[in-house]
C-alpha atoms as a PDB file:
ATOM      1  CA  MET A   1     -30.537 106.963  78.504  1.00  0.00           C
ATOM      2  CA  ILE A   2     -27.837 107.115  81.058  1.00  0.00           C
ATOM      3  CA  SER A   3     -24.351 108.360  81.409  1.00  0.00           C
ATOM      4  CA  TYR A   4     -22.379 109.910  78.612  1.00  0.00           C
ATOM      5  CA  LEU A   5     -25.129 109.407  76.102  1.00  0.00           C
ATOM      6  CA  LYS A   6     -27.196 111.747  77.471  1.00  0.00           C
ATOM      7  CA  TYR A   7     -24.935 114.614  75.829  1.00  0.00           C
ATOM      8  CA  PHE A   8     -25.789 113.432  72.592  1.00  0.00           C
ATOM      9  CA  PRO A   9     -26.456 115.392  70.364  1.00  0.00           C
ATOM     10  CA  LYS A  10     -27.589 118.583  72.098  1.00  0.00           C
ATOM     11  CA  LYS A  11      -6.427 119.732  61.614  1.00  0.00           C
ATOM     12  CA  PHE A  12      -4.117 116.897  64.594  1.00  0.00           C
ATOM     13  CA  VAL A  13      -9.070 111.425  62.742  1.00  0.00           C
ATOM     14  CA  ARG A  14      -9.103 108.418  63.950  1.00  0.00           C
ATOM     15  CA  LEU A  15     -11.668 105.425  64.512  1.00  0.00           C
ATOM     16  CA  VAL A  16     -14.169 105.062  61.863  1.00  0.00           C
ATOM     17  CA  CYS A  17     -17.434 103.512  60.163  1.00  0.00           C
ATOM     18  CA  CYS A  18     -16.103 100.180  61.475  1.00  0.00           C
ATOM     19  CA  SER A  19     -18.011 100.993  64.635  1.00  0.00           C
ATOM     20  CA  ILE A  20     -21.166  99.288  62.882  1.00  0.00           C
ATOM     21  CA  LEU A  21     -19.656  96.431  61.565  1.00  0.00           C
ATOM     22  CA  HIS A  22     -20.313  92.957  62.549  1.00  0.00           C
ATOM     23  CA  LYS A  23     -17.413  91.695  65.274  1.00  0.00           C
ATOM     24  CA  SER A  24     -16.098  89.340  62.788  1.00  0.00           C
ATOM     25  CA  ILE A  25     -14.412  91.688  60.875  1.00  0.00           C
ATOM     26  CA  THR A  26     -10.778  90.838  60.228  1.00  0.00           C
ATOM     27  CA  GLN A  27      -7.935  93.286  61.612  1.00  0.00           C
ATOM     28  CA  LYS A  28      -6.803  94.225  58.219  1.00  0.00           C
ATOM     29  CA  GLU A  29     -10.583  95.556  57.278  1.00  0.00           C
ATOM     30  CA  PHE A  30     -10.604  97.153  60.426  1.00  0.00           C
ATOM     31  CA  GLN A  31      -7.146  98.982  59.944  1.00  0.00           C
ATOM     32  CA  TRP A  32      -8.221  99.874  56.338  1.00  0.00           C
ATOM     33  CA  GLN A  33     -11.307 101.419  57.597  1.00  0.00           C
ATOM     34  CA  ARG A  34      -9.752 103.338  60.250  1.00  0.00           C
ATOM     35  CA  SER A  35      -7.301 104.691  57.586  1.00  0.00           C
ATOM     36  CA  VAL A  36      -9.962 106.221  55.323  1.00  0.00           C
ATOM     37  CA  TYR A  37     -10.802 108.824  57.785  1.00  0.00           C
ATOM     38  CA  ASN A  38      -7.623 108.779  60.022  1.00  0.00           C
ATOM     39  CA  ASN A  39      -7.186 112.003  61.347  1.00  0.00           C
ATOM     40  CA  VAL A  40      -7.950 115.021  60.308  1.00  0.00           C
ATOM     41  CA  ARG A  41      -4.830 117.116  60.904  1.00  0.00           C
ATOM     42  CA  LEU A  42      -2.081 114.498  61.409  1.00  0.00           C
ATOM     43  CA  PHE A  43      -1.685 112.502  58.783  1.00  0.00           C
ATOM     44  CA  ASN A  44      -1.263 112.943  54.803  1.00  0.00           C
ATOM     45  CA  GLN A  45      -4.320 112.039  53.418  1.00  0.00           C
ATOM     46  CA  LYS A  46      -3.795 113.228  49.872  1.00  0.00           C
ATOM     47  CA  LYS A  47      -2.136 110.141  49.357  1.00  0.00           C
ATOM     48  CA  THR A  48      -4.206 106.762  48.636  1.00  0.00           C
ATOM     49  CA  ASP A  49      -3.276 104.009  51.014  1.00  0.00           C
ATOM     50  CA  PRO A  50      -1.972 101.506  49.069  1.00  0.00           C
ATOM     51  CA  ARG A  51      -3.999  98.976  51.065  1.00  0.00           C
ATOM     52  CA  CYS A  52      -7.195 100.617  49.749  1.00  0.00           C
ATOM     53  CA  ASN A  53      -8.156  98.014  47.119  1.00  0.00           C
ATOM     54  CA  VAL A  54     -11.976  98.602  46.351  1.00  0.00           C
ATOM     55  CA  LEU A  55     -12.234  94.985  46.419  1.00  0.00           C
ATOM     56  CA  ILE A  56     -12.024  94.970  50.200  1.00  0.00           C
ATOM     57  CA  PHE A  57     -15.462  96.435  50.141  1.00  0.00           C
ATOM     58  CA  SER A  58     -16.905  93.514  48.767  1.00  0.00           C
ATOM     59  CA  SER A  59     -15.983  91.610  52.129  1.00  0.00           C
ATOM     60  CA  ILE A  60     -16.792  94.420  54.387  1.00  0.00           C
ATOM     61  CA  LEU A  61     -20.258  94.925  52.863  1.00  0.00           C
ATOM     62  CA  GLY A  62     -20.698  91.403  52.985  1.00  0.00           C
ATOM     63  CA  TRP A  63     -21.054  91.885  56.700  1.00  0.00           C
ATOM     64  CA  LEU A  64     -24.152  93.812  55.910  1.00  0.00           C
ATOM     65  CA  GLY A  65     -25.692  90.997  53.888  1.00  0.00           C
ATOM     66  CA  LEU A  66     -25.386  92.965  50.795  1.00  0.00           C
ATOM     67  CA  THR A  67     -23.259  90.933  48.443  1.00  0.00           C
ATOM     68  CA  SER A  68     -24.792  88.888  45.860  1.00  0.00           C
ATOM     69  CA  GLU A  69     -23.466  86.924  42.725  1.00  0.00           C
ATOM     70  CA  ASP A  70     -25.540  88.885  40.169  1.00  0.00           C
ATOM     71  CA  GLU A  71     -23.586  91.981  39.337  1.00  0.00           C
ATOM     72  CA  GLU A  72     -26.738  93.791  38.561  1.00  0.00           C
ATOM     73  CA  THR A  73     -28.785  93.575  41.517  1.00  0.00           C
ATOM     74  CA  PRO A  74     -29.986  96.659  43.416  1.00  0.00           C
ATOM     75  CA  GLU A  75     -27.772  95.481  46.195  1.00  0.00           C
ATOM     76  CA  ASP A  76     -24.455  95.549  44.178  1.00  0.00           C
ATOM     77  CA  LYS A  77     -25.545  98.788  42.969  1.00  0.00           C
ATOM     78  CA  LEU A  78     -25.727 100.352  46.622  1.00  0.00           C
ATOM     79  CA  ILE A  79     -22.264  98.314  47.209  1.00  0.00           C
ATOM     80  CA  THR A  80     -20.684 100.262  44.034  1.00  0.00           C
ATOM     81  CA  THR A  81     -22.249 103.565  45.149  1.00  0.00           C
ATOM     82  CA  ILE A  82     -20.718 103.091  48.788  1.00  0.00           C
ATOM     83  CA  LYS A  83     -17.482 102.169  47.263  1.00  0.00           C
ATOM     84  CA  ARG A  84     -17.260 104.973  44.915  1.00  0.00           C
ATOM     85  CA  SER A  85     -18.266 107.607  47.856  1.00  0.00           C
ATOM     86  CA  ILE A  86     -15.300 106.325  50.091  1.00  0.00           C
ATOM     87  CA  LEU A  87     -12.951 106.493  47.468  1.00  0.00           C
ATOM     88  CA  CYS A  88     -14.104 110.261  46.879  1.00  0.00           C
ATOM     89  CA  ILE A  89     -13.446 110.839  50.450  1.00  0.00           C
ATOM     90  CA  GLN A  90      -9.921 109.605  50.132  1.00  0.00           C
ATOM     91  CA  ARG A  91      -9.394 111.924  46.973  1.00  0.00           C
ATOM     92  CA  GLU A  92     -10.835 114.574  49.236  1.00  0.00           C
ATOM     93  CA  GLN A  93     -13.899 115.135  46.709  1.00  0.00           C
ATOM     94  CA  TYR A  94     -16.033 115.769  49.424  1.00  0.00           C
ATOM     95  CA  ASP A  95     -18.865 117.317  47.628  1.00  0.00           C
ATOM     96  CA  LYS A  96     -19.353 114.608  45.327  1.00  0.00           C
ATOM     97  CA  ALA A  97     -19.013 111.944  48.124  1.00  0.00           C
ATOM     98  CA  GLU A  98     -21.604 113.403  49.876  1.00  0.00           C
ATOM     99  CA  GLN A  99     -24.047 113.268  46.728  1.00  0.00           C
ATOM    100  CA  MET A 100     -23.007 109.712  46.232  1.00  0.00           C
ATOM    101  CA  LEU A 101     -24.015 108.885  49.942  1.00  0.00           C
ATOM    102  CA  HIS A 102     -27.485 110.810  49.844  1.00  0.00           C
ATOM    103  CA  LEU A 103     -27.987 108.393  46.732  1.00  0.00           C
ATOM    104  CA  ALA A 104     -26.654 105.431  48.589  1.00  0.00           C
ATOM    105  CA  LEU A 105     -29.072 106.226  51.584  1.00  0.00           C
ATOM    106  CA  ARG A 106     -31.907 106.358  49.177  1.00  0.00           C
ATOM    107  CA  MET A 107     -31.011 103.052  47.754  1.00  0.00           C
ATOM    108  CA  ALA A 108     -30.196 101.430  51.236  1.00  0.00           C
ATOM    109  CA  GLN A 109     -33.880 102.786  52.341  1.00  0.00           C
ATOM    110  CA  ASP A 110     -35.256 101.585  48.909  1.00  0.00           C
ATOM    111  CA  LEU A 111     -33.975  97.988  49.864  1.00  0.00           C
ATOM    112  CA  GLN A 112     -35.289  98.263  53.623  1.00  0.00           C
ATOM    113  CA  SER A 113     -31.924  97.364  54.605  1.00  0.00           C
ATOM    114  CA  LYS A 114     -31.805  98.173  58.174  1.00  0.00           C
ATOM    115  CA  ASP A 115     -27.751  97.809  58.412  1.00  0.00           C
ATOM    116  CA  GLY A 116     -26.994  99.140  55.059  1.00  0.00           C
ATOM    117  CA  ILE A 117     -28.979 102.534  56.187  1.00  0.00           C
ATOM    118  CA  THR A 118     -26.874 102.417  59.621  1.00  0.00           C
ATOM    119  CA  TYR A 119     -23.649 102.142  57.336  1.00  0.00           C
ATOM    120  CA  VAL A 120     -24.152 104.790  55.427  1.00  0.00           C
ATOM    121  CA  TYR A 121     -25.432 107.019  57.892  1.00  0.00           C
ATOM    122  CA  ASP A 122     -22.199 106.438  59.845  1.00  0.00           C
ATOM    123  CA  VAL A 123     -19.979 106.986  56.709  1.00  0.00           C
ATOM    124  CA  MET A 124     -21.713 110.548  56.353  1.00  0.00           C
ATOM    125  CA  ALA A 125     -20.903 111.149  60.301  1.00  0.00           C
ATOM    126  CA  ASN A 126     -17.601 110.654  59.644  1.00  0.00           C
ATOM    127  CA  LEU A 127     -17.530 112.833  56.231  1.00  0.00           C
ATOM    128  CA  ALA A 128     -19.005 115.501  58.522  1.00  0.00           C
ATOM    129  CA  MET A 129     -16.697 115.144  60.977  1.00  0.00           C
ATOM    130  CA  GLU A 130     -13.753 115.180  58.407  1.00  0.00           C
ATOM    131  CA  ARG A 131     -14.934 118.335  56.941  1.00  0.00           C
ATOM    132  CA  GLU A 132     -15.180 119.933  60.689  1.00  0.00           C
ATOM    133  CA  GLN A 133     -19.064 119.899  60.271  1.00  0.00           C
ATOM    134  CA  PHE A 134     -19.288 118.941  63.796  1.00  0.00           C
ATOM    135  CA  LYS A 135     -22.994 119.887  64.837  1.00  0.00           C
ATOM    136  CA  LYS A 136     -23.984 117.881  61.494  1.00  0.00           C
ATOM    137  CA  ALA A 137     -21.573 114.890  62.569  1.00  0.00           C
ATOM    138  CA  GLU A 138     -23.061 114.638  66.321  1.00  0.00           C
ATOM    139  CA  LYS A 139     -26.692 114.789  64.734  1.00  0.00           C
ATOM    140  CA  LEU A 140     -25.873 111.994  62.290  1.00  0.00           C
ATOM    141  CA  PHE A 141     -23.672 109.835  64.942  1.00  0.00           C
ATOM    142  CA  ALA A 142     -26.678 110.044  67.329  1.00  0.00           C
ATOM    143  CA  GLU A 143     -28.795 108.798  64.523  1.00  0.00           C
ATOM    144  CA  VAL A 144     -26.300 105.787  64.100  1.00  0.00           C
ATOM    145  CA  ILE A 145     -26.430 105.236  67.920  1.00  0.00           C
ATOM    146  CA  ARG A 146     -30.252 105.163  67.906  1.00  0.00           C
ATOM    147  CA  ARG A 147     -30.391 102.898  65.138  1.00  0.00           C
ATOM    148  CA  LEU A 148     -27.723 100.571  66.910  1.00  0.00           C
ATOM    149  CA  LEU A 149     -29.787 100.821  70.263  1.00  0.00           C
ATOM    150  CA  ALA A 150     -33.064  99.705  68.387  1.00  0.00           C
ATOM    151  CA  ALA A 151     -30.992  96.796  66.869  1.00  0.00           C
ATOM    152  CA  GLY A 152     -30.125  95.327  70.494  1.00  0.00           C
ATOM    153  CA  TYR A 153     -26.892  96.986  71.131  1.00  0.00           C
ATOM    154  CA  VAL A 154     -26.144  98.426  74.802  1.00  0.00           C
ATOM    155  CA  GLU A 155     -24.555 101.693  75.354  1.00  0.00           C
ATOM    156  CA  ASP A 156     -21.131 100.559  76.466  1.00  0.00           C
ATOM    157  CA  SER A 157     -20.905  98.259  73.347  1.00  0.00           C
ATOM    158  CA  LEU A 158     -17.495  98.795  71.408  1.00  0.00           C
ATOM    159  CA  LYS A 159     -19.729  99.939  68.336  1.00  0.00           C
ATOM    160  CA  ILE A 160     -20.999 102.895  70.502  1.00  0.00           C
ATOM    161  CA  LEU A 161     -18.054 103.714  72.306  1.00  0.00           C
ATOM    162  CA  HIS A 162     -16.398 104.042  68.982  1.00  0.00           C
ATOM    163  CA  ILE A 163     -18.690 106.978  68.378  1.00  0.00           C
ATOM    164  CA  SER A 164     -18.851 108.294  72.166  1.00  0.00           C
ATOM    165  CA  SER A 165     -14.943 108.857  71.888  1.00  0.00           C
ATOM    166  CA  LYS A 166     -15.109 110.740  68.436  1.00  0.00           C
ATOM    167  CA  ILE A 167     -17.942 112.726  69.894  1.00  0.00           C
ATOM    168  CA  ALA A 168     -15.731 113.723  72.856  1.00  0.00           C
ATOM    169  CA  HIS A 169     -12.960 114.402  70.474  1.00  0.00           C
ATOM    170  CA  MET A 170     -15.321 116.999  68.384  1.00  0.00           C
ATOM    171  CA  ALA A 171     -15.778 118.562  71.648  1.00  0.00           C
ATOM    172  CA  LEU A 172     -12.470 118.971  72.352  1.00  0.00           C
ATOM    173  CA  THR A 173     -11.914 120.187  69.016  1.00  0.00           C
ATOM    174  CA  GLN A 174     -14.475 122.965  69.523  1.00  0.00           C
ATOM    175  CA  GLY A 175     -13.254 123.742  73.277  1.00  0.00           C
ATOM    176  CA  TYR A 176     -15.977 122.295  74.921  1.00  0.00           C
ATOM    177  CA  PHE A 177     -13.384 120.934  77.510  1.00  0.00           C
ATOM    178  CA  GLU A 178     -16.178 119.928  80.019  1.00  0.00           C
ATOM    179  CA  LYS A 179     -18.099 117.690  77.605  1.00  0.00           C
ATOM    180  CA  ALA A 180     -14.890 116.145  76.211  1.00  0.00           C
ATOM    181  CA  THR A 181     -13.706 115.319  79.715  1.00  0.00           C
ATOM    182  CA  LEU A 182     -16.899 113.595  80.565  1.00  0.00           C
ATOM    183  CA  GLY A 183     -17.053 111.658  77.187  1.00  0.00           C
ATOM    184  CA  PHE A 184     -13.125 110.378  77.414  1.00  0.00           C
ATOM    185  CA  ILE A 185     -13.631 109.594  81.167  1.00  0.00           C
ATOM    186  CA  TRP A 186     -16.498 107.259  80.267  1.00  0.00           C
ATOM    187  CA  VAL A 187     -15.066 105.773  77.395  1.00  0.00           C
ATOM    188  CA  LEU A 188     -11.880 105.042  79.153  1.00  0.00           C
ATOM    189  CA  GLU A 189     -13.824 103.327  81.935  1.00  0.00           C
ATOM    190  CA  LYS A 190     -16.013 101.114  79.890  1.00  0.00           C
ATOM    191  CA  LEU A 191     -12.961  99.973  77.865  1.00  0.00           C
ATOM    192  CA  GLU A 192     -10.961  99.044  80.668  1.00  0.00           C
ATOM    193  CA  GLU A 193     -13.953  97.060  82.205  1.00  0.00           C
ATOM    194  CA  TYR A 194     -14.407  95.455  78.870  1.00  0.00           C
ATOM    195  CA  LEU A 195     -10.468  94.716  78.618  1.00  0.00           C
ATOM    196  CA  ARG A 196     -10.250  93.220  81.893  1.00  0.00           C
ATOM    197  CA  LYS A 197     -12.785  90.420  80.560  1.00  0.00           C
ATOM    198  CA  VAL A 198     -11.118  90.357  77.290  1.00  0.00           C
ATOM    199  CA  PRO A 199      -7.646  91.669  77.356  1.00  0.00           C
ATOM    200  CA  ASP A 200      -6.484  90.309  73.898  1.00  0.00           C
ATOM    201  CA  ASP A 201      -9.348  92.209  71.941  1.00  0.00           C
ATOM    202  CA  ALA A 202      -7.253  94.394  69.441  1.00  0.00           C
ATOM    203  CA  GLU A 203     -10.067  96.570  68.547  1.00  0.00           C
ATOM    204  CA  ALA A 204     -10.850  97.664  72.411  1.00  0.00           C
ATOM    205  CA  GLN A 205      -6.840  98.094  72.732  1.00  0.00           C
ATOM    206  CA  GLU A 206      -6.935 100.360  69.721  1.00  0.00           C
ATOM    207  CA  LEU A 207      -9.882 102.435  70.604  1.00  0.00           C
ATOM    208  CA  TRP A 208      -8.263 102.602  74.237  1.00  0.00           C
ATOM    209  CA  GLY A 209      -5.001 103.950  72.848  1.00  0.00           C
ATOM    210  CA  LEU A 210      -6.614 106.644  70.591  1.00  0.00           C
ATOM    211  CA  THR A 211      -8.926 107.961  73.308  1.00  0.00           C
ATOM    212  CA  LYS A 212      -5.740 108.141  75.555  1.00  0.00           C
ATOM    213  CA  ASN A 213      -4.180 110.279  72.903  1.00  0.00           C
ATOM    214  CA  TRP A 214      -7.193 112.590  72.551  1.00  0.00           C
ATOM    215  CA  PHE A 215      -7.608 112.800  76.422  1.00  0.00           C
ATOM    216  CA  GLY A 216      -3.764 113.734  76.610  1.00  0.00           C
ATOM    217  CA  GLU A 217      -4.397 116.534  74.274  1.00  0.00           C
ATOM    218  CA  LEU A 218      -7.280 117.809  76.222  1.00  0.00           C
ATOM    219  CA  LEU A 219      -5.102 117.585  79.440  1.00  0.00           C
ATOM    220  CA  MET A 220      -2.223 119.522  77.569  1.00  0.00           C
ATOM    221  CA  LYS A 221      -4.635 122.229  76.725  1.00  0.00           C
ATOM    222  CA  GLN A 222      -5.821 122.616  80.348  1.00  0.00           C
ATOM    223  CA  GLY A 223      -1.995 122.701  81.420  1.00  0.00           C
ATOM    224  CA  LYS A 224      -2.203 119.409  83.238  1.00  0.00           C
ATOM    225  CA  TYR A 225       0.706 118.126  81.769  1.00  0.00           C
ATOM    226  CA  LYS A 226       1.828 115.397  84.410  1.00  0.00           C
ATOM    227  CA  GLU A 227      -1.490 113.672  83.476  1.00  0.00           C
ATOM    228  CA  ALA A 228      -1.062 114.338  79.840  1.00  0.00           C
ATOM    229  CA  LYS A 229       2.173 112.901  79.646  1.00  0.00           C
ATOM    230  CA  LYS A 230       0.834 109.661  81.184  1.00  0.00           C
ATOM    231  CA  ASN A 231      -2.068 109.469  78.813  1.00  0.00           C
ATOM    232  CA  PHE A 232       0.383 109.744  75.694  1.00  0.00           C
ATOM    233  CA  GLU A 233       2.893 107.355  77.058  1.00  0.00           C
ATOM    234  CA  ASP A 234      -0.353 105.039  77.489  1.00  0.00           C
ATOM    235  CA  ALA A 235      -1.158 105.674  73.809  1.00  0.00           C
ATOM    236  CA  LEU A 236       2.263 105.196  72.318  1.00  0.00           C
ATOM    237  CA  ASP A 237       2.549 102.039  74.087  1.00  0.00           C
ATOM    238  CA  CYS A 238      -0.633 100.794  72.938  1.00  0.00           C
ATOM    239  CA  ARG A 239       0.224 101.949  69.453  1.00  0.00           C
ATOM    240  CA  ILE A 240       3.792 100.018  69.337  1.00  0.00           C
ATOM    241  CA  LYS A 241       2.172  96.996  70.808  1.00  0.00           C
ATOM    242  CA  ILE A 242      -0.323  96.846  67.825  1.00  0.00           C
ATOM    243  CA  HIS A 243       1.166  98.499  64.768  1.00  0.00           C
ATOM    244  CA  GLY A 244       4.833  98.635  65.645  1.00  0.00           C
ATOM    245  CA  ALA A 245       6.867 102.136  66.004  1.00  0.00           C
ATOM    246  CA  PHE A 246       7.237 102.799  62.576  1.00  0.00           C
ATOM    247  CA  ASN A 247       4.080 105.027  61.683  1.00  0.00           C
ATOM    248  CA  ASP A 248       3.052 108.579  61.490  1.00  0.00           C
ATOM    249  CA  GLU A 249       0.885 108.086  64.739  1.00  0.00           C
ATOM    250  CA  CYS A 250       4.056 107.240  66.835  1.00  0.00           C
ATOM    251  CA  VAL A 251       5.861 110.215  65.563  1.00  0.00           C
ATOM    252  CA  SER A 252       2.942 112.529  66.263  1.00  0.00           C
ATOM    253  CA  ILE A 253       2.529 111.090  69.993  1.00  0.00           C
ATOM    254  CA  LEU A 254       6.233 111.672  70.536  1.00  0.00           C
ATOM    255  CA  ASN A 255       5.911 115.061  69.342  1.00  0.00           C
ATOM    256  CA  SER A 256       3.195 115.553  71.529  1.00  0.00           C
ATOM    257  CA  LEU A 257       5.267 114.094  74.756  1.00  0.00           C
ATOM    258  CA  SER A 258       8.110 116.739  73.805  1.00  0.00           C
ATOM    259  CA  VAL A 259       5.497 119.548  73.758  1.00  0.00           C
ATOM    260  CA  VAL A 260       4.417 118.610  77.247  1.00  0.00           C
ATOM    261  CA  CYS A 261       8.106 118.117  78.623  1.00  0.00           C
ATOM    262  CA  VAL A 262       8.821 121.596  77.375  1.00  0.00           C
ATOM    263  CA  ASN A 263       5.996 122.871  79.282  1.00  0.00           C
ATOM    264  CA  MET A 264       7.172 121.032  82.542  1.00  0.00           C
ATOM    265  CA  GLU A 265      10.503 122.628  81.750  1.00  0.00           C
ATOM    266  CA  ASN A 266      12.029 118.949  81.299  1.00  0.00           C
ATOM    267  CA  ILE A 267      14.019 119.756  77.948  1.00  0.00           C
ATOM    268  CA  ILE A 268      16.302 116.961  78.009  1.00  0.00           C
ATOM    269  CA  GLU A 269      13.437 114.560  77.884  1.00  0.00           C
ATOM    270  CA  ALA A 270      11.731 116.693  75.420  1.00  0.00           C
ATOM    271  CA  LYS A 271      14.760 116.192  72.918  1.00  0.00           C
ATOM    272  CA  GLN A 272      15.018 112.825  73.533  1.00  0.00           C
ATOM    273  CA  PHE A 273      11.400 112.259  72.483  1.00  0.00           C
ATOM    274  CA  LEU A 274      12.131 114.381  69.511  1.00  0.00           C
ATOM    275  CA  LEU A 275      15.298 112.656  68.645  1.00  0.00           C
ATOM    276  CA  ARG A 276      13.401 109.478  68.950  1.00  0.00           C
ATOM    277  CA  ALA A 277      10.740 110.812  66.310  1.00  0.00           C
ATOM    278  CA  VAL A 278      13.626 111.922  63.858  1.00  0.00           C
ATOM    279  CA  ASP A 279      15.170 108.241  64.052  1.00  0.00           C
ATOM    280  CA  LEU A 280      11.561 106.844  63.183  1.00  0.00           C
ATOM    281  CA  MET A 281      11.263 109.512  60.378  1.00  0.00           C
ATOM    282  CA  LYS A 282      14.343 107.908  58.781  1.00  0.00           C
ATOM    283  CA  LYS A 283      12.467 104.769  58.411  1.00  0.00           C
ATOM    284  CA  ILE A 284       9.073 106.192  57.320  1.00  0.00           C
ATOM    285  CA  LYS A 285       9.519 107.156  53.517  1.00  0.00           C
ATOM    286  CA  ASP A 286       6.518 109.519  53.888  1.00  0.00           C
ATOM    287  CA  THR A 287       5.667 111.285  57.008  1.00  0.00           C
ATOM    288  CA  THR A 288       3.718 114.831  57.431  1.00  0.00           C
ATOM    289  CA  GLN A 289       5.208 115.240  60.586  1.00  0.00           C
ATOM    290  CA  GLU A 290       8.628 115.896  59.788  1.00  0.00           C
ATOM    291  CA  GLY A 291       8.649 119.508  59.279  1.00  0.00           C
ATOM    292  CA  ILE A 292       6.897 119.835  62.812  1.00  0.00           C
ATOM    293  CA  VAL A 293       9.210 117.826  64.610  1.00  0.00           C
ATOM    294  CA  LEU A 294      12.170 119.735  63.052  1.00  0.00           C
ATOM    295  CA  ALA A 295      10.702 122.988  64.373  1.00  0.00           C
ATOM    296  CA  ASN A 296      10.200 122.016  67.560  1.00  0.00           C
ATOM    297  CA  LEU A 297      13.482 120.256  67.895  1.00  0.00           C
ATOM    298  CA  GLY A 298      15.164 123.528  66.642  1.00  0.00           C
ATOM    299  CA  MET A 299      13.446 125.561  69.419  1.00  0.00           C
ATOM    300  CA  VAL A 300      14.592 122.761  72.082  1.00  0.00           C
ATOM    301  CA  TYR A 301      18.147 122.995  70.710  1.00  0.00           C
ATOM    302  CA  LEU A 302      17.899 126.790  71.225  1.00  0.00           C
ATOM    303  CA  ARG A 303      16.996 126.369  74.611  1.00  0.00           C
ATOM    304  CA  GLU A 304      20.021 124.286  74.971  1.00  0.00           C
ATOM    305  CA  GLY A 305      22.258 127.099  73.619  1.00  0.00           C
ATOM    306  CA  LEU A 306      23.202 124.944  70.930  1.00  0.00           C
ATOM    307  CA  GLN A 307      22.549 127.344  68.039  1.00  0.00           C
ATOM    308  CA  THR A 308      24.036 125.655  65.097  1.00  0.00           C
ATOM    309  CA  GLN A 309      21.775 122.868  65.259  1.00  0.00           C
ATOM    310  CA  ALA A 310      18.850 124.815  66.149  1.00  0.00           C
ATOM    311  CA  LYS A 311      19.647 126.890  62.992  1.00  0.00           C
ATOM    312  CA  ASP A 312      19.888 123.511  61.011  1.00  0.00           C
ATOM    313  CA  SER A 313      16.913 122.131  62.247  1.00  0.00           C
ATOM    314  CA  CYS A 314      14.651 125.062  61.650  1.00  0.00           C
ATOM    315  CA  SER A 315      16.280 125.784  58.335  1.00  0.00           C
ATOM    316  CA  ARG A 316      15.176 121.962  57.222  1.00  0.00           C
ATOM    317  CA  ALA A 317      11.517 122.766  58.616  1.00  0.00           C
ATOM    318  CA  LEU A 318      11.442 125.947  56.584  1.00  0.00           C
ATOM    319  CA  LYS A 319      12.096 124.388  53.386  1.00  0.00           C
ATOM    320  CA  MET A 320       9.689 121.644  54.122  1.00  0.00           C
ATOM    321  CA  ALA A 321       7.159 124.379  54.953  1.00  0.00           C
ATOM    322  CA  ALA A 322       7.694 125.922  51.520  1.00  0.00           C
ATOM    323  CA  LYS A 323       7.394 122.437  49.698  1.00  0.00           C
ATOM    324  CA  GLU A 324       4.453 121.622  51.444  1.00  0.00           C
ATOM    325  CA  LYS A 325       2.855 125.243  51.619  1.00  0.00           C
ATOM    326  CA  ASP A 326       2.067 124.962  55.192  1.00  0.00           C
ATOM    327  CA  ASP A 327       1.516 128.435  56.536  1.00  0.00           C
ATOM    328  CA  ASP A 328       1.406 127.368  60.020  1.00  0.00           C
ATOM    329  CA  LEU A 329       4.877 125.601  59.748  1.00  0.00           C
ATOM    330  CA  LEU A 330       6.183 128.582  57.780  1.00  0.00           C
ATOM    331  CA  LYS A 331       5.352 130.650  60.735  1.00  0.00           C
ATOM    332  CA  GLN A 332       6.866 128.297  63.197  1.00  0.00           C
ATOM    333  CA  ALA A 333      10.073 127.972  61.301  1.00  0.00           C
ATOM    334  CA  GLU A 334      10.513 131.643  60.658  1.00  0.00           C
ATOM    335  CA  HIS A 335      10.007 132.135  64.312  1.00  0.00           C
ATOM    336  CA  CYS A 336      12.596 129.630  65.423  1.00  0.00           C
ATOM    337  CA  LEU A 337      15.225 131.091  63.074  1.00  0.00           C
ATOM    338  CA  THR A 338      14.342 134.722  64.177  1.00  0.00           C
ATOM    339  CA  GLN A 339      15.250 133.510  67.627  1.00  0.00           C
ATOM    340  CA  VAL A 340      18.411 131.879  66.543  1.00  0.00           C
ATOM    341  CA  LYS A 341      19.625 134.940  64.997  1.00  0.00           C
ATOM    342  CA  MET A 342      18.782 137.041  67.945  1.00  0.00           C
ATOM    343  CA  ALA A 343      21.010 134.341  70.043  1.00  0.00           C
ATOM    344  CA  MET A 344      23.796 134.682  67.613  1.00  0.00           C
ATOM    345  CA  LYS A 345      24.154 138.537  67.935  1.00  0.00           C
END
């Protein structure tokens, strides 16, 4: 094995178990699959996505060749078990989900369903990543890759690129910046080659945008703010192109752009990104980013000497932190208010 795959295997999630589905999966199903695991620290995972009707699983798992008209067949029992495990993941009942997935794996093995086994391993890997069990997740993803390669997929197929990007993100989360850099660069190069040939592939476009966003996070942590800003801008443009602007991910990326601009001492542009995020939040009924954005906006106002606006913004962030019982946001809002009080003396 060559290139980035040689590194296998040795809260701000995102593409998921769709990595093993057939190419004929619909965009709606792909988006639903993505939302089950989508991410880890940026979005409110306590609320069930209204699109998550369990009937979708019948069509998704149909691509695995596991559907049947007889509801009592072993195949349907496997489907039901996988459905229940993913619903448990949505509800953050992780231990119960893992138990069900182990049962599903045994059922798939008894059925000798190669695709079913691979599917279950992929869901297990995403669950481990969700629980920040990164070593376990890497091993499971490596098993999925091994099975995909044995099934005839090449190492730069979209299915394997999905996993490669997630492994690079896990490396970033753990502070393994060199490994993460190699992974992101490799994935982006392969995706850009693919998109030159198939420019309208929405799945590839979305993976490119996601990887750009994660790579931006890495570059920002390394202090490479100019490069990080370009990657965040690419990610934002891609997200808007595919899904429009009215979603939490756009709010998150705008917040990241503001942080980069603050570090570049570009306070005016930082405020513009934050105000744009605030405007989006007014049109999104449920966003977990609002408190973070308001706290950051308060600090930007303070940098501009706008003490009244800073106090108002940080006070609102403080109320949200108390409501959500978010200790990190609470500390950030309290720090902002302390700085405002000092400035007003």
